[in-house]
Amino acid sequence: MKLLHVLFALTFGTMTSIAVATPLTGQGNHLPLPTTNLSWPPGVPEARVQTTVSEFEGSWGSSAHPDWQGTYKAVGRIPSSTSLQNAVYDFTTLPLGYLPAGTFFIFSDLDTGSNQSESIRLLGNENSGFPIGFEWLDEPVAVTGTGRFNTSFIHPMDMPAWNFHFTVFDWYTFRGSSVTVGNPNVTFALVTNEPVYTMRLVKNWTNHSFSMMAPRLIPEPSTALLTLLGVVGAIFRSERNGRSAT
């Protein structure tokens, strides 16, 4: 614990308050809005290129933290608002051999637009190839866009539903079917709290999209905190798993 106190002190200096990241688990009709909304964008967007009809690559350059500076490969189509295909991500070519904790997952316009029940499903895998057996995403940390009243005010019911039961399926599912009033256009960010080696994505329709952002090379204090919390969470989980094994 002393080491953690030192890390917090070195990272945040004179910060007087620290937000606590909350793992996203269970289910609900509407994702919670962030208590403290990070400025947008919360990180450095990835650059994506469709290299073949059935493959694409994503990368981050020098403006991202060094642990993210590199390229990953994926099979499928880029999950933009115009594509309707699944994708399988391979993050083992990134500098650490995996997608680090502290990565921002960006979801855009996930609702019932055009009378379609839009959804995105994610399955994160460990180095062994098996699914991550516990919550590996935290609750939303940033949100932007327009709400049901066509203003910058985003109503809690403008957020989509979610589902995660690690004892049954291990998938995260996000559904726009619970957004039934107006036609909001909301973009929100979740953050990973575990290393992800490979990942499957299932996207059932067009109009909505998924992408990722990396922490900045010199992050803002609030962003640095989320990244640090992700790393700390991974340490605690590793220790917990080690104790369970004994």
Protein backbone atom coordinates (compact mmCIF):
# COMPACT_ATOMS: atom_id res chain seq x y z
CA MET A 1 0.00 0.00 0.00
CA LYS A 2 2.88 2.37 0.64
CA LEU A 3 3.93 1.99 -2.99
CA LEU A 4 0.43 2.93 -4.12
CA HIS A 5 0.49 6.03 -1.94
CA VAL A 6 3.79 7.05 -3.50
CA LEU A 7 2.41 6.50 -7.00
CA PHE A 8 -0.59 8.67 -6.27
CA ALA A 9 1.59 11.40 -4.81
CA LEU A 10 4.03 11.40 -7.71
CA THR A 11 1.27 11.37 -10.29
CA PHE A 12 -1.12 13.90 -8.86
CA GLY A 13 0.90 16.17 -6.61
CA THR A 14 -1.45 18.79 -5.22
CA MET A 15 -4.75 17.18 -6.27
CA THR A 16 -7.21 17.50 -3.40
CA SER A 17 -9.79 14.92 -4.49
CA ILE A 18 -9.55 11.56 -6.20
CA ALA A 19 -12.38 9.89 -8.09
CA VAL A 20 -12.73 6.13 -7.74
CA ALA A 21 -13.22 4.01 -10.84
CA THR A 22 -16.17 1.63 -10.55
CA PRO A 23 -16.13 -1.71 -12.41
CA LEU A 24 -19.08 -2.16 -14.76
CA THR A 25 -20.96 -5.31 -13.80
CA GLY A 26 -24.47 -6.72 -13.64
CA GLN A 27 -27.08 -5.13 -15.85
CA GLY A 28 -29.28 -2.07 -16.18
CA ASN A 29 -31.52 -0.18 -18.58
CA HIS A 30 -29.23 2.84 -18.77
CA LEU A 31 -25.48 3.18 -18.24
CA PRO A 32 -24.76 5.68 -15.45
CA LEU A 33 -23.60 9.15 -16.42
CA PRO A 34 -20.11 10.03 -15.14
CA THR A 35 -20.02 11.75 -11.76
CA THR A 36 -17.12 13.83 -13.04
CA ASN A 37 -17.23 14.17 -16.82
CA LEU A 38 -13.77 14.27 -18.39
CA SER A 39 -13.15 16.87 -21.08
CA TRP A 40 -13.58 15.54 -24.61
CA PRO A 41 -11.72 13.83 -26.11
CA PRO A 42 -10.39 11.98 -23.05
CA GLY A 43 -7.45 10.55 -25.00
CA VAL A 44 -5.72 10.16 -28.36
CA PRO A 45 -7.93 8.60 -31.07
CA GLU A 46 -6.59 5.60 -32.94
CA ALA A 47 -5.81 5.81 -36.65
CA ARG A 48 -7.54 2.95 -38.50
CA VAL A 49 -6.94 1.66 -42.01
CA GLN A 50 -8.89 -1.03 -43.87
CA THR A 51 -5.91 -2.94 -45.31
CA THR A 52 -7.96 -5.59 -47.16
CA VAL A 53 -11.64 -6.34 -47.61
CA SER A 54 -11.58 -8.45 -44.44
CA GLU A 55 -8.74 -6.94 -42.38
CA PHE A 56 -7.88 -3.61 -40.78
CA GLU A 57 -5.21 -2.09 -38.57
CA GLY A 58 -5.30 0.46 -35.77
CA SER A 59 -2.39 2.46 -34.43
CA TRP A 60 -1.27 5.27 -32.14
CA GLY A 61 1.65 7.62 -32.71
CA SER A 62 3.93 9.80 -30.63
CA SER A 63 1.14 11.84 -29.02
CA ALA A 64 -0.03 8.73 -27.14
CA HIS A 65 1.58 7.19 -24.07
CA PRO A 66 4.54 4.98 -25.13
CA ASP A 67 2.76 1.78 -24.01
CA TRP A 68 0.21 2.39 -26.78
CA GLN A 69 2.54 3.60 -29.54
CA GLY A 70 2.26 0.87 -32.13
CA THR A 71 -0.11 -1.06 -34.36
CA TYR A 72 -2.61 -3.80 -33.72
CA LYS A 73 -4.30 -6.01 -36.33
CA ALA A 74 -7.91 -7.09 -36.69
CA VAL A 75 -9.99 -9.37 -38.89
CA GLY A 76 -13.24 -7.84 -40.12
CA ARG A 77 -14.41 -4.38 -41.09
CA ILE A 78 -13.70 -1.19 -39.16
CA PRO A 79 -16.69 -0.87 -36.80
CA SER A 80 -17.77 2.55 -38.07
CA SER A 81 -21.30 3.87 -38.48
CA THR A 82 -21.42 2.51 -42.04
CA SER A 83 -20.29 -1.07 -41.42
CA LEU A 84 -22.21 -4.14 -40.36
CA GLN A 85 -19.67 -6.83 -39.55
CA ASN A 86 -18.04 -8.51 -36.61
CA ALA A 87 -14.35 -8.07 -35.81
CA VAL A 88 -11.62 -10.00 -34.02
CA TYR A 89 -8.81 -7.89 -32.54
CA ASP A 90 -5.24 -9.03 -31.93
CA PHE A 91 -3.40 -6.66 -29.59
CA THR A 92 -0.27 -8.80 -29.16
CA THR A 93 1.70 -6.62 -31.60
CA LEU A 94 1.43 -3.55 -29.35
CA PRO A 95 4.54 -2.60 -27.29
CA LEU A 96 3.55 -4.56 -24.17
CA GLY A 97 2.08 -7.49 -26.09
CA TYR A 98 -1.47 -6.53 -25.10
CA LEU A 99 -3.87 -3.59 -24.94
CA PRO A 100 -3.00 -1.92 -21.61
CA ALA A 101 -5.41 -1.08 -18.83
CA GLY A 102 -6.45 2.53 -19.13
CA THR A 103 -7.62 2.34 -22.76
CA PHE A 104 -10.75 4.33 -23.57
CA PHE A 105 -13.52 2.43 -25.38
CA ILE A 106 -15.64 4.88 -27.38
CA PHE A 107 -19.27 4.12 -28.26
CA SER A 108 -21.22 6.49 -30.51
CA ASP A 109 -24.94 6.87 -31.26
CA LEU A 110 -26.01 3.58 -29.68
CA ASP A 111 -29.81 3.89 -29.51
CA THR A 112 -32.94 2.94 -31.45
CA GLY A 113 -32.28 5.24 -34.40
CA SER A 114 -34.05 4.37 -37.66
CA ASN A 115 -36.28 2.06 -35.60
CA GLN A 116 -33.40 -0.39 -35.19
CA SER A 117 -32.36 -1.88 -31.86
CA GLU A 118 -28.62 -1.26 -32.14
CA SER A 119 -26.17 -3.26 -30.06
CA ILE A 120 -22.48 -3.94 -29.52
CA ARG A 121 -21.08 -7.01 -27.76
CA LEU A 122 -17.48 -7.36 -26.54
CA LEU A 123 -15.54 -10.39 -25.35
CA GLY A 124 -12.07 -9.70 -23.94
CA ASN A 125 -9.53 -12.51 -23.69
CA GLU A 126 -6.52 -13.17 -21.49
CA ASN A 127 -3.09 -14.31 -22.67
CA SER A 128 -4.29 -17.91 -22.39
CA GLY A 129 -7.00 -17.22 -24.96
CA PHE A 130 -9.76 -17.74 -22.43
CA PRO A 131 -12.23 -14.94 -21.65
CA ILE A 132 -11.39 -12.52 -18.86
CA GLY A 133 -13.38 -13.98 -15.99
CA PHE A 134 -14.32 -10.78 -14.22
CA GLU A 135 -15.25 -7.16 -14.88
CA TRP A 136 -12.61 -5.64 -17.18
CA LEU A 137 -14.40 -2.39 -18.02
CA ASP A 138 -15.21 0.50 -15.71
CA GLU A 139 -18.33 2.66 -15.78
CA PRO A 140 -18.49 5.66 -18.16
CA VAL A 141 -15.89 8.36 -17.51
CA ALA A 142 -16.77 10.84 -20.27
CA VAL A 143 -19.81 11.68 -22.37
CA THR A 144 -20.53 14.19 -25.13
CA GLY A 145 -23.03 14.85 -27.90
CA THR A 146 -26.68 15.88 -27.99
CA GLY A 147 -29.47 14.51 -25.86
CA ARG A 148 -33.16 13.90 -26.48
CA PHE A 149 -33.93 17.62 -26.47
CA ASN A 150 -31.37 18.28 -29.22
CA THR A 151 -29.14 20.20 -26.80
CA SER A 152 -25.87 19.42 -25.04
CA PHE A 153 -27.86 18.29 -21.99
CA ILE A 154 -27.73 14.49 -21.88
CA HIS A 155 -30.53 12.88 -19.92
CA PRO A 156 -29.72 9.72 -17.93
CA MET A 157 -32.22 7.81 -20.10
CA ASP A 158 -30.26 8.78 -23.24
CA MET A 159 -27.67 6.17 -22.25
CA PRO A 160 -28.00 2.58 -23.54
CA ALA A 161 -28.57 -0.57 -21.53
CA TRP A 162 -25.76 -2.92 -20.54
CA ASN A 163 -25.31 -6.48 -19.36
CA PHE A 164 -22.32 -8.37 -17.96
CA HIS A 165 -22.43 -11.64 -16.02
CA PHE A 166 -18.97 -13.15 -15.79
CA THR A 167 -20.30 -16.35 -14.22
CA VAL A 168 -22.39 -17.13 -17.30
CA PHE A 169 -21.31 -15.65 -20.63
CA ASP A 170 -18.31 -13.31 -20.05
CA TRP A 171 -19.60 -10.94 -22.76
CA TYR A 172 -20.31 -7.26 -22.29
CA THR A 173 -23.50 -6.35 -24.16
CA PHE A 174 -24.63 -2.78 -24.85
CA ARG A 175 -28.11 -2.25 -26.30
CA GLY A 176 -29.82 0.86 -27.62
CA SER A 177 -33.30 -0.62 -27.23
CA SER A 178 -33.78 1.18 -23.90
CA VAL A 179 -33.30 4.62 -25.51
CA THR A 180 -36.84 5.27 -26.67
CA VAL A 181 -37.44 9.04 -26.43
CA GLY A 182 -36.31 11.40 -29.19
CA ASN A 183 -33.21 10.68 -31.25
CA PRO A 184 -30.17 11.50 -29.10
CA ASN A 185 -26.66 11.31 -30.52
CA VAL A 186 -24.50 10.46 -27.54
CA THR A 187 -20.85 9.43 -27.51
CA PHE A 188 -19.43 7.99 -24.30
CA ALA A 189 -16.18 6.48 -23.05
CA LEU A 190 -15.60 3.46 -20.84
CA VAL A 191 -12.11 2.59 -19.66
CA THR A 192 -10.43 -0.81 -19.43
CA ASN A 193 -9.04 -1.95 -16.08
CA GLU A 194 -7.29 -5.13 -17.27
CA PRO A 195 -4.83 -6.07 -20.04
CA VAL A 196 -6.68 -7.38 -23.11
CA TYR A 197 -4.75 -9.67 -25.47
CA THR A 198 -7.47 -10.39 -28.02
CA MET A 199 -11.07 -9.27 -28.33
CA ARG A 200 -14.20 -10.15 -30.27
CA LEU A 201 -16.71 -7.50 -31.28
CA VAL A 202 -20.24 -8.15 -32.55
CA LYS A 203 -22.04 -5.18 -34.10
CA ASN A 204 -25.58 -5.80 -35.27
CA TRP A 205 -26.33 -2.73 -37.37
CA THR A 206 -24.99 0.43 -39.00
CA ASN A 207 -25.47 4.00 -37.66
CA HIS A 208 -23.58 3.36 -34.41
CA SER A 209 -19.83 2.87 -34.01
CA PHE A 210 -16.98 1.70 -31.77
CA SER A 211 -13.40 2.94 -31.51
CA MET A 212 -10.60 3.34 -28.97
CA MET A 213 -8.45 6.11 -27.52
CA ALA A 214 -5.11 5.89 -25.72
CA PRO A 215 -3.97 8.06 -22.81
CA ARG A 216 -2.01 11.11 -23.88
CA LEU A 217 1.76 11.25 -23.61
CA ILE A 218 1.36 13.88 -20.87
CA PRO A 219 -2.14 13.16 -19.55
CA GLU A 220 -4.38 15.59 -17.77
CA PRO A 221 -4.54 14.77 -14.02
CA SER A 222 -8.01 13.21 -14.23
CA THR A 223 -7.03 11.02 -17.19
CA ALA A 224 -3.78 10.02 -15.50
CA LEU A 225 -5.80 9.00 -12.45
CA LEU A 226 -7.99 6.64 -14.46
CA THR A 227 -4.98 5.03 -16.07
CA LEU A 228 -3.30 4.59 -12.68
CA LEU A 229 -6.46 3.16 -11.16
CA GLY A 230 -6.61 0.63 -13.99
CA VAL A 231 -3.06 -0.48 -13.26
CA VAL A 232 -3.72 -0.60 -9.50
CA GLY A 233 -6.87 -2.63 -10.12
CA ALA A 234 -4.90 -5.13 -12.17
CA ILE A 235 -2.37 -5.48 -9.31
CA PHE A 236 -5.08 -6.10 -6.76
CA ARG A 237 -6.81 -8.65 -9.01
CA SER A 238 -3.53 -10.46 -9.58
CA GLU A 239 -2.90 -10.65 -5.84
CA ARG A 240 -6.48 -11.81 -5.23
CA ASN A 241 -6.18 -14.53 -7.85
CA GLY A 242 -2.88 -15.62 -6.36
CA ARG A 243 -4.43 -15.94 -2.92
CA SER A 244 -7.35 -17.89 -4.36
CA ALA A 245 -4.98 -20.33 -6.05
CA THR A 246 -3.31 -21.10 -2.74
